[in-house]
Amino acid sequence: PGIGLHTALALVCYTNYFTTCSNSGQLASYCGCAPFSYSSGLKA
């Protein structure tokens, strides 16, 4: 649900049949959906 034909085609084409990303974490990072933690010293 939510994924249509154009989104499915884009996912297949840009990931080369899902071979460029070996797991969901890499795919989420590639798609810009994975948050990354930034901290330094006493800064939260």
PDB file of all heavy atoms in Angstrom:
ATOM      1  N   PRO A   1       0.835  -1.214   0.000  1.00  0.00           N
ATOM      2  CA  PRO A   1       0.000   0.000   0.000  1.00  0.00           C
ATOM      3  C   PRO A   1       0.867   1.260   0.000  1.00  0.00           C
ATOM      4  O   PRO A   1       1.800   1.396   0.794  1.00  0.00           O
ATOM      5  CB  PRO A   1      -0.799  -0.117   1.304  1.00  0.00           C
ATOM      6  CG  PRO A   1      -0.824  -1.582   1.597  1.00  0.00           C
ATOM      7  CD  PRO A   1       0.484  -2.121   1.105  1.00  0.00           C
ATOM      8  N   GLY A   2       0.570   2.177  -0.922  1.00  0.00           N
ATOM      9  CA  GLY A   2       1.319   3.419  -1.030  1.00  0.00           C
ATOM     10  C   GLY A   2       2.320   3.434  -2.158  1.00  0.00           C
ATOM     11  O   GLY A   2       2.717   4.501  -2.623  1.00  0.00           O
ATOM     12  N   ILE A   3       2.768   2.269  -2.601  1.00  0.00           N
ATOM     13  CA  ILE A   3       3.758   2.194  -3.676  1.00  0.00           C
ATOM     14  C   ILE A   3       3.042   1.880  -4.980  1.00  0.00           C
ATOM     15  O   ILE A   3       2.436   0.819  -5.137  1.00  0.00           O
ATOM     16  CB  ILE A   3       4.832   1.126  -3.379  1.00  0.00           C
ATOM     17  CG1 ILE A   3       5.640   1.528  -2.148  1.00  0.00           C
ATOM     18  CG2 ILE A   3       5.755   0.938  -4.576  1.00  0.00           C
ATOM     19  CD1 ILE A   3       6.762   0.576  -1.807  1.00  0.00           C
ATOM     20  N   GLY A   4       3.101   2.824  -5.910  1.00  0.00           N
ATOM     21  CA  GLY A   4       2.489   2.651  -7.212  1.00  0.00           C
ATOM     22  C   GLY A   4       3.503   2.220  -8.253  1.00  0.00           C
ATOM     23  O   GLY A   4       4.664   1.909  -7.949  1.00  0.00           O
ATOM     24  N   LEU A   5       3.081   2.249  -9.494  1.00  0.00           N
ATOM     25  CA  LEU A   5       3.931   1.774 -10.590  1.00  0.00           C
ATOM     26  C   LEU A   5       5.186   2.614 -10.748  1.00  0.00           C
ATOM     27  O   LEU A   5       6.289   2.073 -10.886  1.00  0.00           O
ATOM     28  CB  LEU A   5       3.126   1.774 -11.895  1.00  0.00           C
ATOM     29  CG  LEU A   5       3.895   1.362 -13.165  1.00  0.00           C
ATOM     30  CD1 LEU A   5       4.434  -0.051 -13.044  1.00  0.00           C
ATOM     31  CD2 LEU A   5       3.019   1.505 -14.388  1.00  0.00           C
ATOM     32  N   HIS A   6       5.048   3.941 -10.705  1.00  0.00           N
ATOM     33  CA  HIS A   6       6.207   4.806 -10.929  1.00  0.00           C
ATOM     34  C   HIS A   6       7.211   4.714  -9.783  1.00  0.00           C
ATOM     35  O   HIS A   6       8.422   4.710 -10.009  1.00  0.00           O
ATOM     36  CB  HIS A   6       5.746   6.259 -11.122  1.00  0.00           C
ATOM     37  CG  HIS A   6       4.867   6.450 -12.316  1.00  0.00           C
ATOM     38  ND1 HIS A   6       3.501   6.588 -12.217  1.00  0.00           N
ATOM     39  CD2 HIS A   6       5.146   6.506 -13.642  1.00  0.00           C
ATOM     40  CE1 HIS A   6       2.978   6.734 -13.419  1.00  0.00           C
ATOM     41  NE2 HIS A   6       3.957   6.673 -14.304  1.00  0.00           N
ATOM     42  N   THR A   7       6.726   4.625  -8.554  1.00  0.00           N
ATOM     43  CA  THR A   7       7.630   4.460  -7.412  1.00  0.00           C
ATOM     44  C   THR A   7       8.344   3.123  -7.479  1.00  0.00           C
ATOM     45  O   THR A   7       9.547   3.028  -7.211  1.00  0.00           O
ATOM     46  CB  THR A   7       6.839   4.566  -6.091  1.00  0.00           C
ATOM     47  OG1 THR A   7       6.141   5.809  -6.058  1.00  0.00           O
ATOM     48  CG2 THR A   7       7.786   4.498  -4.900  1.00  0.00           C
ATOM     49  N   ALA A   8       7.621   2.076  -7.861  1.00  0.00           N
ATOM     50  CA  ALA A   8       8.225   0.746  -7.980  1.00  0.00           C
ATOM     51  C   ALA A   8       9.292   0.718  -9.066  1.00  0.00           C
ATOM     52  O   ALA A   8      10.389   0.170  -8.872  1.00  0.00           O
ATOM     53  CB  ALA A   8       7.144  -0.291  -8.276  1.00  0.00           C
ATOM     54  N   LEU A   9       9.006   1.325 -10.209  1.00  0.00           N
ATOM     55  CA  LEU A   9       9.987   1.378 -11.297  1.00  0.00           C
ATOM     56  C   LEU A   9      11.230   2.155 -10.883  1.00  0.00           C
ATOM     57  O   LEU A   9      12.359   1.754 -11.187  1.00  0.00           O
ATOM     58  CB  LEU A   9       9.357   2.024 -12.536  1.00  0.00           C
ATOM     59  CG  LEU A   9       8.351   1.172 -13.313  1.00  0.00           C
ATOM     60  CD1 LEU A   9       7.617   2.024 -14.342  1.00  0.00           C
ATOM     61  CD2 LEU A   9       9.063   0.011 -14.006  1.00  0.00           C
ATOM     62  N   ALA A  10      11.023   3.275 -10.178  1.00  0.00           N
ATOM     63  CA  ALA A  10      12.161   4.078  -9.722  1.00  0.00           C
ATOM     64  C   ALA A  10      13.031   3.289  -8.741  1.00  0.00           C
ATOM     65  O   ALA A  10      14.269   3.326  -8.818  1.00  0.00           O
ATOM     66  CB  ALA A  10      11.668   5.370  -9.074  1.00  0.00           C
ATOM     67  N   LEU A  11      12.407   2.561  -7.819  1.00  0.00           N
ATOM     68  CA  LEU A  11      13.159   1.761  -6.856  1.00  0.00           C
ATOM     69  C   LEU A  11      13.988   0.683  -7.555  1.00  0.00           C
ATOM     70  O   LEU A  11      15.160   0.473  -7.234  1.00  0.00           O
ATOM     71  CB  LEU A  11      12.213   1.120  -5.845  1.00  0.00           C
ATOM     72  CG  LEU A  11      11.680   2.020  -4.728  1.00  0.00           C
ATOM     73  CD1 LEU A  11      10.533   1.339  -3.994  1.00  0.00           C
ATOM     74  CD2 LEU A  11      12.791   2.381  -3.751  1.00  0.00           C
ATOM     75  N   VAL A  12      13.391   0.008  -8.524  1.00  0.00           N
ATOM     76  CA  VAL A  12      14.106  -1.060  -9.234  1.00  0.00           C
ATOM     77  C   VAL A  12      15.255  -0.502 -10.065  1.00  0.00           C
ATOM     78  O   VAL A  12      16.368  -1.045 -10.072  1.00  0.00           O
ATOM     79  CB  VAL A  12      13.122  -1.853 -10.131  1.00  0.00           C
ATOM     80  CG1 VAL A  12      13.879  -2.855 -10.998  1.00  0.00           C
ATOM     81  CG2 VAL A  12      12.093  -2.578  -9.281  1.00  0.00           C
ATOM     82  N   CYS A  13      15.009   0.615 -10.767  1.00  0.00           N
ATOM     83  CA  CYS A  13      16.025   1.179 -11.666  1.00  0.00           C
ATOM     84  C   CYS A  13      17.196   1.788 -10.907  1.00  0.00           C
ATOM     85  O   CYS A  13      18.360   1.566 -11.261  1.00  0.00           O
ATOM     86  CB  CYS A  13      15.392   2.234 -12.574  1.00  0.00           C
ATOM     87  SG  CYS A  13      14.253   1.562 -13.787  1.00  0.00           S
ATOM     88  N   TYR A  14      16.917   2.559  -9.869  1.00  0.00           N
ATOM     89  CA  TYR A  14      17.990   3.261  -9.172  1.00  0.00           C
ATOM     90  C   TYR A  14      18.781   2.359  -8.229  1.00  0.00           C
ATOM     91  O   TYR A  14      19.878   2.721  -7.802  1.00  0.00           O
ATOM     92  CB  TYR A  14      17.427   4.454  -8.396  1.00  0.00           C
ATOM     93  CG  TYR A  14      17.128   5.647  -9.271  1.00  0.00           C
ATOM     94  CD1 TYR A  14      15.835   5.897  -9.720  1.00  0.00           C
ATOM     95  CD2 TYR A  14      18.134   6.519  -9.667  1.00  0.00           C
ATOM     96  CE1 TYR A  14      15.550   6.984 -10.532  1.00  0.00           C
ATOM     97  CE2 TYR A  14      17.860   7.616 -10.477  1.00  0.00           C
ATOM     98  CZ  TYR A  14      16.571   7.833 -10.908  1.00  0.00           C
ATOM     99  OH  TYR A  14      16.299   8.917 -11.711  1.00  0.00           O
ATOM    100  N   THR A  15      18.237   1.199  -7.886  1.00  0.00           N
ATOM    101  CA  THR A  15      18.968   0.264  -7.022  1.00  0.00           C
ATOM    102  C   THR A  15      19.533  -0.920  -7.804  1.00  0.00           C
ATOM    103  O   THR A  15      20.097  -1.829  -7.198  1.00  0.00           O
ATOM    104  CB  THR A  15      18.045  -0.276  -5.909  1.00  0.00           C
ATOM    105  OG1 THR A  15      16.937  -0.954  -6.501  1.00  0.00           O
ATOM    106  CG2 THR A  15      17.554   0.851  -5.021  1.00  0.00           C
ATOM    107  N   ASN A  16      19.367  -0.887  -9.139  1.00  0.00           N
ATOM    108  CA  ASN A  16      19.888  -1.964  -9.991  1.00  0.00           C
ATOM    109  C   ASN A  16      19.372  -3.324  -9.523  1.00  0.00           C
ATOM    110  O   ASN A  16      20.138  -4.202  -9.126  1.00  0.00           O
ATOM    111  CB  ASN A  16      21.424  -1.942 -10.020  1.00  0.00           C
ATOM    112  CG  ASN A  16      21.999  -2.821 -11.105  1.00  0.00           C
ATOM    113  OD1 ASN A  16      21.277  -3.252 -12.014  1.00  0.00           O
ATOM    114  ND2 ASN A  16      23.285  -3.110 -11.016  1.00  0.00           N
ATOM    115  N   TYR A  17      18.066  -3.473  -9.547  1.00  0.00           N
ATOM    116  CA  TYR A  17      17.391  -4.692  -9.087  1.00  0.00           C
ATOM    117  C   TYR A  17      17.666  -4.969  -7.602  1.00  0.00           C
ATOM    118  O   TYR A  17      17.800  -6.116  -7.191  1.00  0.00           O
ATOM    119  CB  TYR A  17      17.817  -5.904  -9.906  1.00  0.00           C
ATOM    120  CG  TYR A  17      17.488  -5.846 -11.368  1.00  0.00           C
ATOM    121  CD1 TYR A  17      18.493  -5.795 -12.319  1.00  0.00           C
ATOM    122  CD2 TYR A  17      16.175  -5.859 -11.806  1.00  0.00           C
ATOM    123  CE1 TYR A  17      18.197  -5.741 -13.678  1.00  0.00           C
ATOM    124  CE2 TYR A  17      15.870  -5.812 -13.162  1.00  0.00           C
ATOM    125  CZ  TYR A  17      16.880  -5.752 -14.081  1.00  0.00           C
ATOM    126  OH  TYR A  17      16.584  -5.703 -15.430  1.00  0.00           O
ATOM    127  N   PHE A  18      17.810  -3.915  -6.800  1.00  0.00           N
ATOM    128  CA  PHE A  18      18.057  -4.020  -5.356  1.00  0.00           C
ATOM    129  C   PHE A  18      19.390  -4.723  -5.057  1.00  0.00           C
ATOM    130  O   PHE A  18      19.519  -5.415  -4.042  1.00  0.00           O
ATOM    131  CB  PHE A  18      16.915  -4.764  -4.665  1.00  0.00           C
ATOM    132  CG  PHE A  18      15.662  -3.935  -4.512  1.00  0.00           C
ATOM    133  CD1 PHE A  18      14.782  -3.778  -5.568  1.00  0.00           C
ATOM    134  CD2 PHE A  18      15.382  -3.301  -3.313  1.00  0.00           C
ATOM    135  CE1 PHE A  18      13.630  -3.016  -5.437  1.00  0.00           C
ATOM    136  CE2 PHE A  18      14.236  -2.538  -3.169  1.00  0.00           C
ATOM    137  CZ  PHE A  18      13.349  -2.388  -4.242  1.00  0.00           C
ATOM    138  N   THR A  19      20.381  -4.529  -5.916  1.00  0.00           N
ATOM    139  CA  THR A  19      21.700  -5.126  -5.686  1.00  0.00           C
ATOM    140  C   THR A  19      22.699  -4.131  -5.111  1.00  0.00           C
ATOM    141  O   THR A  19      23.697  -4.542  -4.516  1.00  0.00           O
ATOM    142  CB  THR A  19      22.268  -5.692  -6.992  1.00  0.00           C
ATOM    143  OG1 THR A  19      22.347  -4.647  -7.979  1.00  0.00           O
ATOM    144  CG2 THR A  19      21.390  -6.826  -7.520  1.00  0.00           C
ATOM    145  N   THR A  20      22.469  -2.822  -5.285  1.00  0.00           N
ATOM    146  CA  THR A  20      23.408  -1.837  -4.758  1.00  0.00           C
ATOM    147  C   THR A  20      23.289  -1.691  -3.244  1.00  0.00           C
ATOM    148  O   THR A  20      24.215  -1.214  -2.597  1.00  0.00           O
ATOM    149  CB  THR A  20      23.181  -0.468  -5.413  1.00  0.00           C
ATOM    150  OG1 THR A  20      21.813  -0.075  -5.238  1.00  0.00           O
ATOM    151  CG2 THR A  20      23.488  -0.517  -6.905  1.00  0.00           C
ATOM    152  N   CYS A  21      22.152  -2.074  -2.675  1.00  0.00           N
ATOM    153  CA  CYS A  21      21.937  -2.017  -1.223  1.00  0.00           C
ATOM    154  C   CYS A  21      21.665  -3.432  -0.723  1.00  0.00           C
ATOM    155  O   CYS A  21      20.707  -4.073  -1.176  1.00  0.00           O
ATOM    156  CB  CYS A  21      20.768  -1.102  -0.877  1.00  0.00           C
ATOM    157  SG  CYS A  21      20.965   0.595  -1.462  1.00  0.00           S
ATOM    158  N   SER A  22      22.488  -3.900   0.188  1.00  0.00           N
ATOM    159  CA  SER A  22      22.371  -5.286   0.651  1.00  0.00           C
ATOM    160  C   SER A  22      21.354  -5.468   1.765  1.00  0.00           C
ATOM    161  O   SER A  22      20.925  -6.581   2.036  1.00  0.00           O
ATOM    162  CB  SER A  22      23.740  -5.796   1.135  1.00  0.00           C
ATOM    163  OG  SER A  22      24.229  -4.980   2.186  1.00  0.00           O
ATOM    164  N   ASN A  23      20.953  -4.382   2.429  1.00  0.00           N
ATOM    165  CA  ASN A  23      19.969  -4.492   3.508  1.00  0.00           C
ATOM    166  C   ASN A  23      19.102  -3.244   3.543  1.00  0.00           C
ATOM    167  O   ASN A  23      19.357  -2.254   2.843  1.00  0.00           O
ATOM    168  CB  ASN A  23      20.651  -4.729   4.861  1.00  0.00           C
ATOM    169  CG  ASN A  23      21.690  -3.661   5.164  1.00  0.00           C
ATOM    170  OD1 ASN A  23      21.377  -2.480   5.264  1.00  0.00           O
ATOM    171  ND2 ASN A  23      22.941  -4.078   5.296  1.00  0.00           N
ATOM    172  N   SER A  24      18.073  -3.280   4.369  1.00  0.00           N
ATOM    173  CA  SER A  24      17.112  -2.175   4.428  1.00  0.00           C
ATOM    174  C   SER A  24      17.726  -0.900   4.994  1.00  0.00           C
ATOM    175  O   SER A  24      17.315   0.204   4.625  1.00  0.00           O
ATOM    176  CB  SER A  24      15.903  -2.584   5.271  1.00  0.00           C
ATOM    177  OG  SER A  24      16.308  -2.989   6.569  1.00  0.00           O
ATOM    178  N   GLY A  25      18.718  -1.037   5.870  1.00  0.00           N
ATOM    179  CA  GLY A  25      19.378   0.145   6.423  1.00  0.00           C
ATOM    180  C   GLY A  25      20.113   0.938   5.347  1.00  0.00           C
ATOM    181  O   GLY A  25      20.031   2.167   5.300  1.00  0.00           O
ATOM    182  N   GLN A  26      20.829   0.230   4.481  1.00  0.00           N
ATOM    183  CA  GLN A  26      21.522   0.897   3.388  1.00  0.00           C
ATOM    184  C   GLN A  26      20.540   1.544   2.417  1.00  0.00           C
ATOM    185  O   GLN A  26      20.758   2.651   1.929  1.00  0.00           O
ATOM    186  CB  GLN A  26      22.409  -0.106   2.647  1.00  0.00           C
ATOM    187  CG  GLN A  26      23.598  -0.596   3.452  1.00  0.00           C
ATOM    188  CD  GLN A  26      24.449  -1.585   2.663  1.00  0.00           C
ATOM    189  OE1 GLN A  26      24.179  -1.869   1.511  1.00  0.00           O
ATOM    190  NE2 GLN A  26      25.469  -2.112   3.310  1.00  0.00           N
ATOM    191  N   LEU A  27      19.435   0.840   2.143  1.00  0.00           N
ATOM    192  CA  LEU A  27      18.431   1.386   1.225  1.00  0.00           C
ATOM    193  C   LEU A  27      17.777   2.633   1.818  1.00  0.00           C
ATOM    194  O   LEU A  27      17.534   3.614   1.106  1.00  0.00           O
ATOM    195  CB  LEU A  27      17.378   0.321   0.915  1.00  0.00           C
ATOM    196  CG  LEU A  27      16.267   0.726  -0.057  1.00  0.00           C
ATOM    197  CD1 LEU A  27      16.849   1.144  -1.396  1.00  0.00           C
ATOM    198  CD2 LEU A  27      15.259  -0.398  -0.242  1.00  0.00           C
ATOM    199  N   ALA A  28      17.489   2.614   3.116  1.00  0.00           N
ATOM    200  CA  ALA A  28      16.890   3.781   3.774  1.00  0.00           C
ATOM    201  C   ALA A  28      17.844   4.973   3.738  1.00  0.00           C
ATOM    202  O   ALA A  28      17.420   6.118   3.522  1.00  0.00           O
ATOM    203  CB  ALA A  28      16.521   3.431   5.208  1.00  0.00           C
ATOM    204  N   SER A  29      19.126   4.711   3.929  1.00  0.00           N
ATOM    205  CA  SER A  29      20.125   5.781   3.850  1.00  0.00           C
ATOM    206  C   SER A  29      20.210   6.341   2.441  1.00  0.00           C
ATOM    207  O   SER A  29      20.301   7.549   2.233  1.00  0.00           O
ATOM    208  CB  SER A  29      21.492   5.251   4.291  1.00  0.00           C
ATOM    209  OG  SER A  29      22.493   6.235   4.130  1.00  0.00           O
ATOM    210  N   TYR A  30      20.161   5.451   1.446  1.00  0.00           N
ATOM    211  CA  TYR A  30      20.240   5.866   0.041  1.00  0.00           C
ATOM    212  C   TYR A  30      19.019   6.689  -0.357  1.00  0.00           C
ATOM    213  O   TYR A  30      19.131   7.639  -1.146  1.00  0.00           O
ATOM    214  CB  TYR A  30      20.357   4.627  -0.838  1.00  0.00           C
ATOM    215  CG  TYR A  30      20.453   4.898  -2.320  1.00  0.00           C
ATOM    216  CD1 TYR A  30      21.517   5.623  -2.852  1.00  0.00           C
ATOM    217  CD2 TYR A  30      19.479   4.430  -3.189  1.00  0.00           C
ATOM    218  CE1 TYR A  30      21.604   5.872  -4.211  1.00  0.00           C
ATOM    219  CE2 TYR A  30      19.557   4.673  -4.544  1.00  0.00           C
ATOM    220  CZ  TYR A  30      20.620   5.393  -5.055  1.00  0.00           C
ATOM    221  OH  TYR A  30      20.701   5.641  -6.406  1.00  0.00           O
ATOM    222  N   CYS A  31      17.867   6.351   0.194  1.00  0.00           N
ATOM    223  CA  CYS A  31      16.625   7.066  -0.121  1.00  0.00           C
ATOM    224  C   CYS A  31      16.420   8.314   0.730  1.00  0.00           C
ATOM    225  O   CYS A  31      15.424   9.027   0.541  1.00  0.00           O
ATOM    226  CB  CYS A  31      15.423   6.141   0.057  1.00  0.00           C
ATOM    227  SG  CYS A  31      15.402   4.732  -1.066  1.00  0.00           S
ATOM    228  N   GLY A  32      17.316   8.569   1.682  1.00  0.00           N
ATOM    229  CA  GLY A  32      17.190   9.757   2.521  1.00  0.00           C
ATOM    230  C   GLY A  32      16.140   9.631   3.593  1.00  0.00           C
ATOM    231  O   GLY A  32      15.527  10.629   4.001  1.00  0.00           O
ATOM    232  N   CYS A  33      15.912   8.403   4.088  1.00  0.00           N
ATOM    233  CA  CYS A  33      14.909   8.179   5.142  1.00  0.00           C
ATOM    234  C   CYS A  33      15.534   7.792   6.480  1.00  0.00           C
ATOM    235  O   CYS A  33      14.819   7.689   7.473  1.00  0.00           O
ATOM    236  CB  CYS A  33      13.939   7.079   4.719  1.00  0.00           C
ATOM    237  SG  CYS A  33      12.962   7.484   3.272  1.00  0.00           S
ATOM    238  N   ALA A  34      16.843   7.547   6.505  1.00  0.00           N
ATOM    239  CA  ALA A  34      17.494   7.067   7.729  1.00  0.00           C
ATOM    240  C   ALA A  34      18.132   8.236   8.474  1.00  0.00           C
ATOM    241  O   ALA A  34      18.953   8.965   7.913  1.00  0.00           O
ATOM    242  CB  ALA A  34      18.558   6.029   7.380  1.00  0.00           C
ATOM    243  N   PRO A  35      17.767   8.444   9.737  1.00  0.00           N
ATOM    244  CA  PRO A  35      18.393   9.519  10.521  1.00  0.00           C
ATOM    245  C   PRO A  35      19.765   9.103  11.044  1.00  0.00           C
ATOM    246  O   PRO A  35      20.006   7.934  11.333  1.00  0.00           O
ATOM    247  CB  PRO A  35      17.404   9.725  11.670  1.00  0.00           C
ATOM    248  CG  PRO A  35      16.746   8.390  11.833  1.00  0.00           C
ATOM    249  CD  PRO A  35      16.709   7.754  10.474  1.00  0.00           C
ATOM    250  N   PHE A  36      20.670  10.079  11.157  1.00  0.00           N
ATOM    251  CA  PHE A  36      22.010   9.845  11.689  1.00  0.00           C
ATOM    252  C   PHE A  36      22.210  10.728  12.917  1.00  0.00           C
ATOM    253  O   PHE A  36      21.791  11.892  12.940  1.00  0.00           O
ATOM    254  CB  PHE A  36      23.079  10.156  10.639  1.00  0.00           C
ATOM    255  CG  PHE A  36      23.074   9.205   9.475  1.00  0.00           C
ATOM    256  CD1 PHE A  36      22.296   9.452   8.363  1.00  0.00           C
ATOM    257  CD2 PHE A  36      23.846   8.052   9.502  1.00  0.00           C
ATOM    258  CE1 PHE A  36      22.285   8.581   7.285  1.00  0.00           C
ATOM    259  CE2 PHE A  36      23.843   7.171   8.436  1.00  0.00           C
ATOM    260  CZ  PHE A  36      23.062   7.434   7.331  1.00  0.00           C
ATOM    261  N   SER A  37      22.840  10.167  13.933  1.00  0.00           N
ATOM    262  CA  SER A  37      23.037  10.884  15.195  1.00  0.00           C
ATOM    263  C   SER A  37      24.265  11.785  15.110  1.00  0.00           C
ATOM    264  O   SER A  37      25.314  11.386  14.591  1.00  0.00           O
ATOM    265  CB  SER A  37      23.205   9.888  16.341  1.00  0.00           C
ATOM    266  OG  SER A  37      23.430  10.553  17.557  1.00  0.00           O
ATOM    267  N   TYR A  38      24.119  13.015  15.623  1.00  0.00           N
ATOM    268  CA  TYR A  38      25.221  13.986  15.669  1.00  0.00           C
ATOM    269  C   TYR A  38      25.370  14.454  17.117  1.00  0.00           C
ATOM    270  O   TYR A  38      24.425  14.977  17.708  1.00  0.00           O
ATOM    271  CB  TYR A  38      24.926  15.175  14.757  1.00  0.00           C
ATOM    272  CG  TYR A  38      24.893  14.823  13.289  1.00  0.00           C
ATOM    273  CD1 TYR A  38      23.719  14.358  12.691  1.00  0.00           C
ATOM    274  CD2 TYR A  38      26.027  14.938  12.499  1.00  0.00           C
ATOM    275  CE1 TYR A  38      23.685  14.024  11.346  1.00  0.00           C
ATOM    276  CE2 TYR A  38      25.999  14.611  11.153  1.00  0.00           C
ATOM    277  CZ  TYR A  38      24.828  14.157  10.585  1.00  0.00           C
ATOM    278  OH  TYR A  38      24.795  13.829   9.255  1.00  0.00           O
ATOM    279  N   SER A  39      26.552  14.256  17.676  1.00  0.00           N
ATOM    280  CA  SER A  39      26.816  14.689  19.054  1.00  0.00           C
ATOM    281  C   SER A  39      28.282  15.067  19.186  1.00  0.00           C
ATOM    282  O   SER A  39      29.141  14.573  18.439  1.00  0.00           O
ATOM    283  CB  SER A  39      26.464  13.575  20.049  1.00  0.00           C
ATOM    284  OG  SER A  39      27.276  12.438  19.826  1.00  0.00           O
ATOM    285  N   SER A  40      28.569  15.936  20.140  1.00  0.00           N
ATOM    286  CA  SER A  40      29.940  16.363  20.381  1.00  0.00           C
ATOM    287  C   SER A  40      30.055  16.885  21.800  1.00  0.00           C
ATOM    288  O   SER A  40      29.350  17.827  22.187  1.00  0.00           O
ATOM    289  CB  SER A  40      30.341  17.462  19.390  1.00  0.00           C
ATOM    290  OG  SER A  40      31.661  17.912  19.640  1.00  0.00           O
ATOM    291  N   GLY A  41      30.952  16.272  22.591  1.00  0.00           N
ATOM    292  CA  GLY A  41      31.176  16.730  23.947  1.00  0.00           C
ATOM    293  C   GLY A  41      29.925  16.674  24.800  1.00  0.00           C
ATOM    294  O   GLY A  41      29.225  15.659  24.860  1.00  0.00           O
ATOM    295  N   LEU A  42      29.613  17.802  25.432  1.00  0.00           N
ATOM    296  CA  LEU A  42      28.443  17.879  26.305  1.00  0.00           C
ATOM    297  C   LEU A  42      27.164  18.187  25.550  1.00  0.00           C
ATOM    298  O   LEU A  42      26.088  18.238  26.153  1.00  0.00           O
ATOM    299  CB  LEU A  42      28.674  18.953  27.380  1.00  0.00           C
ATOM    300  CG  LEU A  42      29.863  18.713  28.323  1.00  0.00           C
ATOM    301  CD1 LEU A  42      30.039  19.887  29.267  1.00  0.00           C
ATOM    302  CD2 LEU A  42      29.660  17.421  29.109  1.00  0.00           C
ATOM    303  N   LYS A  43      27.279  18.425  24.261  1.00  0.00           N
ATOM    304  CA  LYS A  43      26.104  18.744  23.459  1.00  0.00           C
ATOM    305  C   LYS A  43      25.206  17.522  23.341  1.00  0.00           C
ATOM    306  O   LYS A  43      25.666  16.418  23.059  1.00  0.00           O
ATOM    307  CB  LYS A  43      26.536  19.223  22.069  1.00  0.00           C
ATOM    308  CG  LYS A  43      25.384  19.694  21.200  1.00  0.00           C
ATOM    309  CD  LYS A  43      25.891  20.167  19.850  1.00  0.00           C
ATOM    310  CE  LYS A  43      24.733  20.614  18.961  1.00  0.00           C
ATOM    311  NZ  LYS A  43      25.221  21.059  17.625  1.00  0.00           N
ATOM    312  N   ALA A  44      23.916  17.733  23.543  1.00  0.00           N
ATOM    313  CA  ALA A  44      22.968  16.619  23.473  1.00  0.00           C
ATOM    314  C   ALA A  44      22.915  16.068  22.045  1.00  0.00           C
ATOM    315  O   ALA A  44      22.906  16.845  21.080  1.00  0.00           O
ATOM    316  CB  ALA A  44      21.577  17.090  23.899  1.00  0.00           C
TER     317      ALA A  44
END
